[in-house]
Amino acid sequence: MRLQITTEHIKKQNRKSAFFALFMTALSVACLRMLLDAKSLSDMAFPVIGLLLFAPPIRRTYKIIKEGAGAYPVLELDENAGKIAVSYKDVVVTVDISQIKNLRLQFKSIALASIVVTTCSGEVMRFEGYENLEVLAAALERFTPADRITNAKFYHR
């Protein structure tokens, strides 16, 4: 089964990213203004550091918004083999479902909001905003012992 990110989740994340980019742009403009108003070399240090800190996140945010669904990994669940493959661009990470140390299902109101999987090797994977998330949760629950499954009623990031 192949799971992709939903368009609603992409729109929600793009909206958050746009507000973040707007905030960082405002801070960059403030630093640029301070740089232009500087009268000595020591007055230029803080604005230059600010510009170096605020400009890269704006570029990364723009790339995420521009890529759209391509900015998110695709999941492929193979229940017969007991494996889940997470592919992002050219990188594919395959995890054996039997190696799940902890499975946390996070609910928001009564709907499943996200799945957090911790493997025996210590990897933490978070699945949020994917289509058919309930089907993925049911498949993971079948392979995970009941004492390792946690249903979190309080949604936290």
C-alpha atoms as a PDB file:
ATOM      1  CA  MET A   1       0.000   0.000   0.000  1.00  0.00           C
ATOM      2  CA  ARG A   2       1.397   3.393  -0.993  1.00  0.00           C
ATOM      3  CA  LEU A   3       0.600   6.376   1.226  1.00  0.00           C
ATOM      4  CA  GLN A   4       1.132   9.989   0.209  1.00  0.00           C
ATOM      5  CA  ILE A   5       0.661  13.244   2.026  1.00  0.00           C
ATOM      6  CA  THR A   6      -2.788  14.844   1.730  1.00  0.00           C
ATOM      7  CA  THR A   7      -3.342  18.159  -0.019  1.00  0.00           C
ATOM      8  CA  GLU A   8      -5.016  19.565   3.099  1.00  0.00           C
ATOM      9  CA  HIS A   9      -1.879  18.881   5.126  1.00  0.00           C
ATOM     10  CA  ILE A  10       0.290  20.504   2.452  1.00  0.00           C
ATOM     11  CA  LYS A  11      -1.902  23.617   2.446  1.00  0.00           C
ATOM     12  CA  LYS A  12      -1.798  23.792   6.248  1.00  0.00           C
ATOM     13  CA  GLN A  13       1.998  23.427   6.339  1.00  0.00           C
ATOM     14  CA  ASN A  14       2.428  25.962   3.511  1.00  0.00           C
ATOM     15  CA  ARG A  15       0.324  28.464   5.427  1.00  0.00           C
ATOM     16  CA  LYS A  16       2.472  27.987   8.539  1.00  0.00           C
ATOM     17  CA  SER A  17       5.636  28.226   6.444  1.00  0.00           C
ATOM     18  CA  ALA A  18       4.454  31.413   4.753  1.00  0.00           C
ATOM     19  CA  PHE A  19       3.808  33.091   8.115  1.00  0.00           C
ATOM     20  CA  PHE A  20       7.228  31.963   9.324  1.00  0.00           C
ATOM     21  CA  ALA A  21       8.889  33.309   6.162  1.00  0.00           C
ATOM     22  CA  LEU A  22       7.022  36.598   6.543  1.00  0.00           C
ATOM     23  CA  PHE A  23       8.225  36.916  10.139  1.00  0.00           C
ATOM     24  CA  MET A  24      11.819  36.103   9.161  1.00  0.00           C
ATOM     25  CA  THR A  25      11.611  38.597   6.280  1.00  0.00           C
ATOM     26  CA  ALA A  26      10.438  41.312   8.664  1.00  0.00           C
ATOM     27  CA  LEU A  27      13.375  40.551  10.955  1.00  0.00           C
ATOM     28  CA  SER A  28      15.756  40.623   7.975  1.00  0.00           C
ATOM     29  CA  VAL A  29      14.398  43.979   6.837  1.00  0.00           C
ATOM     30  CA  ALA A  30      14.858  45.323  10.368  1.00  0.00           C
ATOM     31  CA  CYS A  31      18.471  44.080  10.371  1.00  0.00           C
ATOM     32  CA  LEU A  32      19.050  45.620   6.944  1.00  0.00           C
ATOM     33  CA  ARG A  33      17.656  48.927   8.170  1.00  0.00           C
ATOM     34  CA  MET A  34      19.961  48.778  11.205  1.00  0.00           C
ATOM     35  CA  LEU A  35      22.866  48.010   8.871  1.00  0.00           C
ATOM     36  CA  LEU A  36      22.112  51.016   6.682  1.00  0.00           C
ATOM     37  CA  ASP A  37      21.757  53.284   9.728  1.00  0.00           C
ATOM     38  CA  ALA A  38      25.029  52.091  11.285  1.00  0.00           C
ATOM     39  CA  LYS A  39      27.587  54.813  11.849  1.00  0.00           C
ATOM     40  CA  SER A  40      30.507  52.660  12.906  1.00  0.00           C
ATOM     41  CA  LEU A  41      31.858  49.207  12.216  1.00  0.00           C
ATOM     42  CA  SER A  42      30.814  47.941  15.649  1.00  0.00           C
ATOM     43  CA  ASP A  43      27.204  48.960  14.938  1.00  0.00           C
ATOM     44  CA  MET A  44      27.227  46.703  11.867  1.00  0.00           C
ATOM     45  CA  ALA A  45      28.032  43.469  13.732  1.00  0.00           C
ATOM     46  CA  PHE A  46      24.557  42.722  15.079  1.00  0.00           C
ATOM     47  CA  PRO A  47      22.692  43.414  11.811  1.00  0.00           C
ATOM     48  CA  VAL A  48      25.147  41.311   9.770  1.00  0.00           C
ATOM     49  CA  ILE A  49      24.804  38.393  12.204  1.00  0.00           C
ATOM     50  CA  GLY A  50      21.017  38.790  12.062  1.00  0.00           C
ATOM     51  CA  LEU A  51      21.001  38.708   8.265  1.00  0.00           C
ATOM     52  CA  LEU A  52      23.217  35.619   8.252  1.00  0.00           C
ATOM     53  CA  LEU A  53      20.815  33.893  10.652  1.00  0.00           C
ATOM     54  CA  PHE A  54      17.505  34.984   9.109  1.00  0.00           C
ATOM     55  CA  ALA A  55      18.174  34.663   5.367  1.00  0.00           C
ATOM     56  CA  PRO A  56      18.790  30.852   5.068  1.00  0.00           C
ATOM     57  CA  PRO A  57      15.482  29.821   6.718  1.00  0.00           C
ATOM     58  CA  ILE A  58      13.605  32.069   4.274  1.00  0.00           C
ATOM     59  CA  ARG A  59      15.240  30.267   1.342  1.00  0.00           C
ATOM     60  CA  ARG A  60      14.528  26.805   2.807  1.00  0.00           C
ATOM     61  CA  THR A  61      10.909  27.742   3.471  1.00  0.00           C
ATOM     62  CA  TYR A  62      10.512  28.983  -0.085  1.00  0.00           C
ATOM     63  CA  LYS A  63      11.895  25.692  -1.439  1.00  0.00           C
ATOM     64  CA  ILE A  64       9.462  23.654   0.709  1.00  0.00           C
ATOM     65  CA  ILE A  65       6.486  25.689  -0.486  1.00  0.00           C
ATOM     66  CA  LYS A  66       7.677  25.490  -4.096  1.00  0.00           C
ATOM     67  CA  GLU A  67       8.192  21.696  -4.010  1.00  0.00           C
ATOM     68  CA  GLY A  68       4.702  21.029  -2.653  1.00  0.00           C
ATOM     69  CA  ALA A  69       4.061  17.288  -2.233  1.00  0.00           C
ATOM     70  CA  GLY A  70       7.624  16.519  -3.327  1.00  0.00           C
ATOM     71  CA  ALA A  71       8.898  17.980  -0.057  1.00  0.00           C
ATOM     72  CA  TYR A  72       7.334  15.111   1.904  1.00  0.00           C
ATOM     73  CA  PRO A  73       8.325  11.445   2.015  1.00  0.00           C
ATOM     74  CA  VAL A  74       6.160   8.684   0.519  1.00  0.00           C
ATOM     75  CA  LEU A  75       5.357   5.586   2.573  1.00  0.00           C
ATOM     76  CA  GLU A  76       5.048   2.094   1.173  1.00  0.00           C
ATOM     77  CA  LEU A  77       3.628  -0.531   3.497  1.00  0.00           C
ATOM     78  CA  ASP A  78       4.233  -4.184   2.654  1.00  0.00           C
ATOM     79  CA  GLU A  79       2.259  -6.187   5.199  1.00  0.00           C
ATOM     80  CA  ASN A  80       3.222  -9.543   3.692  1.00  0.00           C
ATOM     81  CA  ALA A  81       6.935  -8.864   4.128  1.00  0.00           C
ATOM     82  CA  GLY A  82       6.382  -6.948   7.377  1.00  0.00           C
ATOM     83  CA  LYS A  83       8.240  -3.875   6.162  1.00  0.00           C
ATOM     84  CA  ILE A  84       7.569  -0.203   5.743  1.00  0.00           C
ATOM     85  CA  ALA A  85       9.634   1.830   3.270  1.00  0.00           C
ATOM     86  CA  VAL A  86       9.982   5.585   3.616  1.00  0.00           C
ATOM     87  CA  SER A  87      11.227   7.168   0.389  1.00  0.00           C
ATOM     88  CA  TYR A  88      12.240  10.774  -0.050  1.00  0.00           C
ATOM     89  CA  LYS A  89      13.683  11.818  -3.394  1.00  0.00           C
ATOM     90  CA  ASP A  90      16.435   9.234  -4.042  1.00  0.00           C
ATOM     91  CA  VAL A  91      16.769   7.889  -0.495  1.00  0.00           C
ATOM     92  CA  VAL A  92      14.757   4.876   0.691  1.00  0.00           C
ATOM     93  CA  VAL A  93      14.776   3.745   4.320  1.00  0.00           C
ATOM     94  CA  THR A  94      13.241   0.337   4.992  1.00  0.00           C
ATOM     95  CA  VAL A  95      12.163  -0.563   8.505  1.00  0.00           C
ATOM     96  CA  ASP A  96      11.173  -4.021   9.665  1.00  0.00           C
ATOM     97  CA  ILE A  97       7.820  -3.637  11.418  1.00  0.00           C
ATOM     98  CA  SER A  98       8.717  -6.376  13.895  1.00  0.00           C
ATOM     99  CA  GLN A  99      11.530  -4.120  15.182  1.00  0.00           C
ATOM    100  CA  ILE A 100       9.081  -1.553  16.573  1.00  0.00           C
ATOM    101  CA  LYS A 101       9.953  -0.753  20.169  1.00  0.00           C
ATOM    102  CA  ASN A 102       7.103   1.668  20.783  1.00  0.00           C
ATOM    103  CA  LEU A 103       4.036   2.699  18.795  1.00  0.00           C
ATOM    104  CA  ARG A 104       2.257   5.875  19.856  1.00  0.00           C
ATOM    105  CA  LEU A 105      -1.064   6.848  18.298  1.00  0.00           C
ATOM    106  CA  GLN A 106      -1.840  10.511  18.911  1.00  0.00           C
ATOM    107  CA  PHE A 107      -5.434  11.617  18.728  1.00  0.00           C
ATOM    108  CA  LYS A 108      -6.832  15.119  18.314  1.00  0.00           C
ATOM    109  CA  SER A 109     -10.445  15.146  19.467  1.00  0.00           C
ATOM    110  CA  ILE A 110     -11.516  11.678  18.286  1.00  0.00           C
ATOM    111  CA  ALA A 111      -9.552  11.580  15.018  1.00  0.00           C
ATOM    112  CA  LEU A 112      -6.116  10.054  14.619  1.00  0.00           C
ATOM    113  CA  ALA A 113      -3.672  12.947  14.143  1.00  0.00           C
ATOM    114  CA  SER A 114      -0.286  11.248  14.000  1.00  0.00           C
ATOM    115  CA  ILE A 115       1.630   8.027  14.523  1.00  0.00           C
ATOM    116  CA  VAL A 116       5.012   8.025  16.256  1.00  0.00           C
ATOM    117  CA  VAL A 117       7.102   4.887  15.773  1.00  0.00           C
ATOM    118  CA  THR A 118      10.267   4.184  17.767  1.00  0.00           C
ATOM    119  CA  THR A 119      12.389   1.292  16.523  1.00  0.00           C
ATOM    120  CA  CYS A 120      14.737  -0.917  18.531  1.00  0.00           C
ATOM    121  CA  SER A 121      17.716   0.908  17.001  1.00  0.00           C
ATOM    122  CA  GLY A 122      16.397   4.210  18.389  1.00  0.00           C
ATOM    123  CA  GLU A 123      15.030   5.719  15.176  1.00  0.00           C
ATOM    124  CA  VAL A 124      11.927   7.849  15.660  1.00  0.00           C
ATOM    125  CA  MET A 125       9.541   8.238  12.745  1.00  0.00           C
ATOM    126  CA  ARG A 126       6.491  10.477  12.793  1.00  0.00           C
ATOM    127  CA  PHE A 127       3.688   9.999  10.298  1.00  0.00           C
ATOM    128  CA  GLU A 128       1.294  12.925  10.129  1.00  0.00           C
ATOM    129  CA  GLY A 129      -0.962  14.204   7.365  1.00  0.00           C
ATOM    130  CA  TYR A 130      -0.908  11.039   5.256  1.00  0.00           C
ATOM    131  CA  GLU A 131      -3.950   9.651   3.504  1.00  0.00           C
ATOM    132  CA  ASN A 132      -5.415   6.485   5.064  1.00  0.00           C
ATOM    133  CA  LEU A 133      -3.550   7.085   8.330  1.00  0.00           C
ATOM    134  CA  GLU A 134      -6.048   4.849  10.150  1.00  0.00           C
ATOM    135  CA  VAL A 135      -5.220   1.930   7.827  1.00  0.00           C
ATOM    136  CA  LEU A 136      -1.514   2.406   8.509  1.00  0.00           C
ATOM    137  CA  ALA A 137      -2.188   2.516  12.256  1.00  0.00           C
ATOM    138  CA  ALA A 138      -4.248  -0.676  12.100  1.00  0.00           C
ATOM    139  CA  ALA A 139      -1.491  -2.477  10.174  1.00  0.00           C
ATOM    140  CA  LEU A 140       1.178  -1.325  12.609  1.00  0.00           C
ATOM    141  CA  GLU A 141      -1.001  -2.370  15.565  1.00  0.00           C
ATOM    142  CA  ARG A 142      -1.281  -5.889  14.132  1.00  0.00           C
ATOM    143  CA  PHE A 143       2.499  -6.287  14.083  1.00  0.00           C
ATOM    144  CA  THR A 144       3.219  -4.588  17.421  1.00  0.00           C
ATOM    145  CA  PRO A 145       2.650  -6.302  20.779  1.00  0.00           C
ATOM    146  CA  ALA A 146      -0.165  -4.706  22.789  1.00  0.00           C
ATOM    147  CA  ASP A 147       2.106  -3.681  25.672  1.00  0.00           C
ATOM    148  CA  ARG A 148       4.149  -1.505  23.296  1.00  0.00           C
ATOM    149  CA  ILE A 149       1.186   0.484  21.949  1.00  0.00           C
ATOM    150  CA  THR A 150       0.237   3.797  23.529  1.00  0.00           C
ATOM    151  CA  ASN A 151      -2.894   5.764  22.696  1.00  0.00           C
ATOM    152  CA  ALA A 152      -2.131   9.388  23.529  1.00  0.00           C
ATOM    153  CA  LYS A 153      -5.292  11.372  24.109  1.00  0.00           C
ATOM    154  CA  PHE A 154      -3.317  14.589  24.422  1.00  0.00           C
ATOM    155  CA  TYR A 155      -1.909  15.619  21.042  1.00  0.00           C
ATOM    156  CA  HIS A 156       1.614  16.985  21.291  1.00  0.00           C
ATOM    157  CA  ARG A 157       4.322  17.575  18.719  1.00  0.00           C
END
